[in-house]
Amino acid sequence: MNRSLFSGTRGARHLRHLASFSVVLALITVRGMAGNIPKMLVFTENARILFQGDSITDGNRGRSADPNHILGHGYCFIIAAEYGARFPERKLTFLNRGASGNKVPDLAARWQADTLDLRPDVLSILIGINDSGHVPLDTYEQGYEKLLTDAEAANPKIHLVLCEPFYLPKNGRMESDERGKDVKPRQAIVAKLAAKHHAALVRFQHVFDEACRRAPAECWIWDGVHPTYSGHQLMADEWVKTVSWFYK
């Protein structure tokens, strides 16, 4: 070793930098080994986790068995990547059957093949933004409830996760937006159904509203409906936080 590198004032600074780097490296290593994420008790060994919904869930997913694209590029992929890597011994199976443009009646039409036949242990649903302005509130609620009832009948031990639909106008002020006014009662319906069916309720609207305190709305949702990559990370974080707390 060249001792001159560590002599004098410059050497002392060099040693301090090395020490700081070592601490950072150690912290990264410990975090990676410990898996600094909720253990998610509902993700039991061999559990099948299904994400259902519209284009937000779809995330331009592949329609083949190609594992690089099968989960899309949204919040579902983020959650599956994190937990699949941290807990490979659990042999978790993540499935995405979100379909762009879907409303509750569309989900009902494919519920048997794309949900019940897949035998999920955890079923996450995000639906409602496309129903806004097209499907009456009572039809939305009745149709949504039948989906849940059928899922529970097929698997009485199923763990339900209901995600409230959300909307974020470019100015960030939902209360002054006509579409936003229609989304709010649908959020209330989802909350009501979650309580009735003992499901975890993921409140995405609050997450995005709070995020707008840090950056403009378009940083999180580029067109009022579809999240950016940053927005999908917020969704994944909130989903994990809510579900790990509810099913603890």
Protein backbone atom coordinates (compact mmCIF):
# COMPACT_ATOMS: atom_id res chain seq x y z
CA MET A 1 0.00 0.00 0.00
CA ASN A 2 1.23 3.51 -0.81
CA ARG A 3 1.26 5.11 2.65
CA SER A 4 1.80 8.60 1.17
CA LEU A 5 -1.81 8.54 -0.05
CA PHE A 6 -3.03 8.57 3.55
CA SER A 7 -0.55 11.06 5.08
CA GLY A 8 -1.19 14.71 5.90
CA THR A 9 -4.43 16.68 5.50
CA ARG A 10 -5.29 15.25 2.08
CA GLY A 11 -4.78 11.74 3.44
CA ALA A 12 -7.13 12.40 6.33
CA ARG A 13 -9.80 13.65 3.93
CA HIS A 14 -9.29 10.58 1.77
CA LEU A 15 -9.73 8.28 4.75
CA ARG A 16 -12.93 10.09 5.76
CA HIS A 17 -14.32 9.67 2.25
CA LEU A 18 -13.49 5.96 2.32
CA ALA A 19 -15.13 5.60 5.69
CA SER A 20 -18.29 7.39 4.47
CA PHE A 21 -18.44 5.22 1.37
CA SER A 22 -18.08 2.10 3.52
CA VAL A 23 -20.98 3.15 5.72
CA VAL A 24 -23.23 3.84 2.71
CA LEU A 25 -22.27 0.51 1.13
CA ALA A 26 -22.99 -1.30 4.37
CA LEU A 27 -26.42 0.33 4.65
CA ILE A 28 -27.29 -0.62 1.08
CA THR A 29 -26.16 -4.20 1.71
CA VAL A 30 -28.12 -4.50 4.95
CA ARG A 31 -31.26 -3.09 3.31
CA GLY A 32 -30.92 -5.50 0.43
CA MET A 33 -30.44 -8.49 2.70
CA ALA A 34 -33.13 -7.56 5.20
CA GLY A 35 -35.66 -6.58 2.56
CA ASN A 36 -36.80 -3.26 4.00
CA ILE A 37 -40.38 -3.73 2.82
CA PRO A 38 -43.49 -5.02 4.58
CA LYS A 39 -43.49 -8.81 4.72
CA MET A 40 -47.05 -8.89 3.33
CA LEU A 41 -48.48 -11.80 5.33
CA VAL A 42 -51.30 -12.22 2.82
CA PHE A 43 -48.68 -13.28 0.27
CA THR A 44 -48.49 -16.82 1.62
CA GLU A 45 -46.56 -19.67 0.00
CA ASN A 46 -47.88 -20.46 -3.50
CA ALA A 47 -50.35 -17.57 -3.31
CA ARG A 48 -51.93 -16.37 -6.56
CA ILE A 49 -52.30 -12.58 -6.73
CA LEU A 50 -54.59 -11.22 -9.46
CA PHE A 51 -54.87 -7.58 -10.52
CA GLN A 52 -58.09 -6.67 -12.36
CA GLY A 53 -59.30 -3.44 -13.90
CA ASP A 54 -59.00 -1.11 -16.85
CA SER A 55 -56.10 0.49 -18.76
CA ILE A 56 -54.42 1.75 -15.57
CA THR A 57 -53.99 -1.85 -14.47
CA ASP A 58 -53.49 -3.18 -18.01
CA GLY A 59 -50.32 -1.11 -18.38
CA ASN A 60 -49.93 -2.29 -22.00
CA ARG A 61 -49.39 -5.83 -20.74
CA GLY A 62 -48.47 -8.62 -23.10
CA ARG A 63 -51.05 -11.20 -24.10
CA SER A 64 -48.60 -14.10 -24.29
CA ALA A 65 -46.60 -16.07 -21.71
CA ASP A 66 -43.59 -13.78 -22.22
CA PRO A 67 -42.54 -13.00 -18.61
CA ASN A 68 -40.89 -9.72 -19.66
CA HIS A 69 -44.21 -8.12 -20.59
CA ILE A 70 -46.99 -10.18 -19.09
CA LEU A 71 -47.61 -7.84 -16.13
CA GLY A 72 -47.49 -4.56 -18.05
CA HIS A 73 -45.48 -1.54 -16.99
CA GLY A 74 -47.50 -0.15 -14.10
CA TYR A 75 -48.06 -0.55 -10.37
CA CYS A 76 -48.76 -4.28 -10.72
CA PHE A 77 -45.31 -4.87 -12.19
CA ILE A 78 -43.64 -2.83 -9.44
CA ILE A 79 -45.36 -4.82 -6.69
CA ALA A 80 -44.69 -8.18 -8.34
CA ALA A 81 -41.04 -7.36 -9.04
CA GLU A 82 -40.40 -6.28 -5.45
CA TYR A 83 -42.03 -9.25 -3.76
CA GLY A 84 -41.05 -11.83 -6.32
CA ALA A 85 -37.40 -10.90 -5.85
CA ARG A 86 -37.48 -10.53 -2.05
CA PHE A 87 -39.40 -13.73 -1.32
CA PRO A 88 -38.63 -16.27 -4.07
CA GLU A 89 -39.10 -19.11 -1.58
CA ARG A 90 -42.81 -18.29 -1.37
CA LYS A 91 -43.31 -19.19 -5.05
CA LEU A 92 -45.79 -16.36 -5.59
CA THR A 93 -47.73 -16.08 -8.84
CA PHE A 94 -48.72 -12.60 -10.01
CA LEU A 95 -51.38 -12.22 -12.69
CA ASN A 96 -52.66 -9.17 -14.55
CA ARG A 97 -55.96 -9.19 -16.41
CA GLY A 98 -56.58 -5.47 -16.63
CA ALA A 99 -58.13 -4.50 -19.99
CA SER A 100 -58.00 -1.03 -21.50
CA GLY A 101 -61.35 0.76 -21.69
CA ASN A 102 -63.15 -1.62 -19.35
CA LYS A 103 -66.14 -0.64 -17.24
CA VAL A 104 -67.92 -2.77 -14.65
CA PRO A 105 -70.19 -4.40 -17.28
CA ASP A 106 -67.08 -5.36 -19.28
CA LEU A 107 -65.53 -6.97 -16.21
CA ALA A 108 -68.75 -8.90 -15.65
CA ALA A 109 -68.67 -10.26 -19.20
CA ARG A 110 -65.22 -11.79 -18.70
CA TRP A 111 -65.33 -12.44 -14.95
CA GLN A 112 -65.52 -16.22 -15.19
CA ALA A 113 -62.59 -16.69 -17.58
CA ASP A 114 -60.38 -13.83 -16.41
CA THR A 115 -60.98 -14.04 -12.67
CA LEU A 116 -62.80 -17.05 -11.25
CA ASP A 117 -61.06 -19.62 -13.46
CA LEU A 118 -57.67 -18.22 -12.39
CA ARG A 119 -58.39 -19.14 -8.74
CA PRO A 120 -56.84 -16.07 -7.07
CA ASP A 121 -56.04 -16.01 -3.37
CA VAL A 122 -55.68 -12.23 -3.47
CA LEU A 123 -57.89 -10.24 -5.83
CA SER A 124 -57.20 -6.55 -6.42
CA ILE A 125 -59.73 -4.50 -8.42
CA LEU A 126 -59.42 -0.97 -9.80
CA ILE A 127 -62.43 -0.01 -11.94
CA GLY A 128 -64.59 3.08 -12.33
CA ILE A 129 -62.93 5.85 -14.30
CA ASN A 130 -64.41 4.61 -17.59
CA ASP A 131 -67.81 4.06 -15.96
CA SER A 132 -67.82 7.77 -15.16
CA GLY A 133 -70.34 9.49 -17.42
CA HIS A 134 -71.41 6.19 -19.00
CA VAL A 135 -72.63 3.76 -16.35
CA PRO A 136 -75.27 5.02 -13.87
CA LEU A 137 -74.20 4.93 -10.24
CA ASP A 138 -76.75 2.31 -9.20
CA THR A 139 -75.75 0.04 -12.09
CA TYR A 140 -72.10 0.54 -11.20
CA GLU A 141 -72.70 -0.43 -7.56
CA GLN A 142 -74.92 -3.42 -8.28
CA GLY A 143 -72.61 -4.77 -10.96
CA TYR A 144 -69.52 -4.28 -8.82
CA GLU A 145 -71.13 -6.05 -5.86
CA LYS A 146 -72.06 -9.06 -7.98
CA LEU A 147 -68.43 -9.39 -9.05
CA LEU A 148 -67.38 -9.50 -5.40
CA THR A 149 -70.15 -11.91 -4.40
CA ASP A 150 -69.22 -14.29 -7.21
CA ALA A 151 -65.54 -14.15 -6.26
CA GLU A 152 -66.35 -14.94 -2.62
CA ALA A 153 -68.63 -17.80 -3.64
CA ALA A 154 -65.83 -19.30 -5.75
CA ASN A 155 -63.29 -18.92 -2.93
CA PRO A 156 -64.69 -18.15 0.54
CA LYS A 157 -61.14 -17.50 1.79
CA ILE A 158 -60.28 -14.95 -0.88
CA HIS A 159 -58.56 -11.72 0.20
CA LEU A 160 -60.12 -8.74 -1.54
CA VAL A 161 -58.41 -5.43 -2.29
CA LEU A 162 -60.62 -2.65 -3.64
CA CYS A 163 -58.86 0.35 -5.14
CA GLU A 164 -60.85 3.55 -5.42
CA PRO A 165 -60.99 5.12 -8.89
CA PHE A 166 -59.21 8.45 -9.10
CA TYR A 167 -58.99 11.50 -11.30
CA LEU A 168 -56.56 14.39 -11.35
CA PRO A 169 -57.23 17.37 -13.62
CA LYS A 170 -54.16 19.16 -14.90
CA ASN A 171 -54.85 22.06 -12.55
CA GLY A 172 -55.04 19.60 -9.65
CA ARG A 173 -58.51 20.86 -8.60
CA MET A 174 -60.93 17.96 -8.86
CA GLU A 175 -63.79 19.76 -7.09
CA SER A 176 -64.17 22.21 -10.02
CA ASP A 177 -64.05 19.52 -12.73
CA GLU A 178 -67.23 17.88 -14.04
CA ARG A 179 -65.64 14.46 -14.43
CA GLY A 180 -64.15 14.76 -10.98
CA LYS A 181 -67.62 15.39 -9.56
CA ASP A 182 -68.82 12.10 -11.06
CA VAL A 183 -65.81 10.13 -9.80
CA LYS A 184 -66.31 11.13 -6.15
CA PRO A 185 -69.59 9.21 -5.61
CA ARG A 186 -67.98 6.17 -7.23
CA GLN A 187 -65.19 6.41 -4.70
CA ALA A 188 -67.84 6.40 -1.97
CA ILE A 189 -69.44 3.31 -3.50
CA VAL A 190 -66.12 1.46 -3.53
CA ALA A 191 -65.54 2.40 0.12
CA LYS A 192 -69.02 1.13 0.99
CA LEU A 193 -68.41 -2.17 -0.81
CA ALA A 194 -65.01 -2.58 0.84
CA ALA A 195 -66.56 -2.23 4.28
CA LYS A 196 -69.41 -4.61 3.43
CA HIS A 197 -67.12 -7.30 2.01
CA HIS A 198 -64.31 -6.86 4.56
CA ALA A 199 -61.86 -5.82 1.86
CA ALA A 200 -58.77 -3.66 2.03
CA LEU A 201 -59.52 -0.20 0.62
CA VAL A 202 -56.69 1.54 -1.23
CA ARG A 203 -57.34 5.29 -1.33
CA PHE A 204 -55.41 6.48 -4.36
CA GLN A 205 -57.09 9.89 -4.66
CA HIS A 206 -55.60 11.17 -1.41
CA VAL A 207 -52.15 9.98 -2.48
CA PHE A 208 -52.28 11.95 -5.72
CA ASP A 209 -53.82 15.01 -4.07
CA GLU A 210 -50.97 15.08 -1.56
CA ALA A 211 -48.38 14.49 -4.28
CA CYS A 212 -49.56 17.68 -5.98
CA ARG A 213 -48.19 19.60 -3.01
CA ARG A 214 -44.72 18.51 -4.14
CA ALA A 215 -45.01 18.72 -7.92
CA PRO A 216 -47.61 19.65 -10.58
CA ALA A 217 -50.38 17.19 -11.42
CA GLU A 218 -48.82 16.21 -14.76
CA CYS A 219 -45.78 14.86 -12.91
CA TRP A 220 -48.00 12.13 -11.50
CA ILE A 221 -50.85 11.71 -14.01
CA TRP A 222 -50.20 13.00 -17.50
CA ASP A 223 -53.76 13.19 -18.83
CA GLY A 224 -55.95 13.30 -15.74
CA VAL A 225 -56.43 9.51 -15.79
CA HIS A 226 -53.26 7.56 -16.60
CA PRO A 227 -50.33 7.75 -14.18
CA THR A 228 -46.76 8.41 -15.24
CA TYR A 229 -44.01 6.09 -14.02
CA SER A 230 -43.75 8.30 -10.95
CA GLY A 231 -47.48 8.00 -10.39
CA HIS A 232 -47.38 4.22 -10.69
CA GLN A 233 -44.69 4.13 -8.02
CA LEU A 234 -46.98 6.10 -5.71
CA MET A 235 -49.75 3.61 -6.42
CA ALA A 236 -47.53 0.61 -5.72
CA ASP A 237 -46.34 2.13 -2.45
CA GLU A 238 -49.87 2.90 -1.28
CA TRP A 239 -51.15 -0.53 -2.30
CA VAL A 240 -48.40 -2.26 -0.33
CA LYS A 241 -48.86 -0.02 2.70
CA THR A 242 -52.64 -0.51 2.80
CA VAL A 243 -52.72 -4.25 2.11
CA SER A 244 -49.89 -5.12 4.50
CA TRP A 245 -51.64 -3.16 7.27
CA PHE A 246 -55.13 -4.53 6.59
CA TYR A 247 -54.13 -8.17 6.36
CA LYS A 248 -51.67 -8.31 9.23
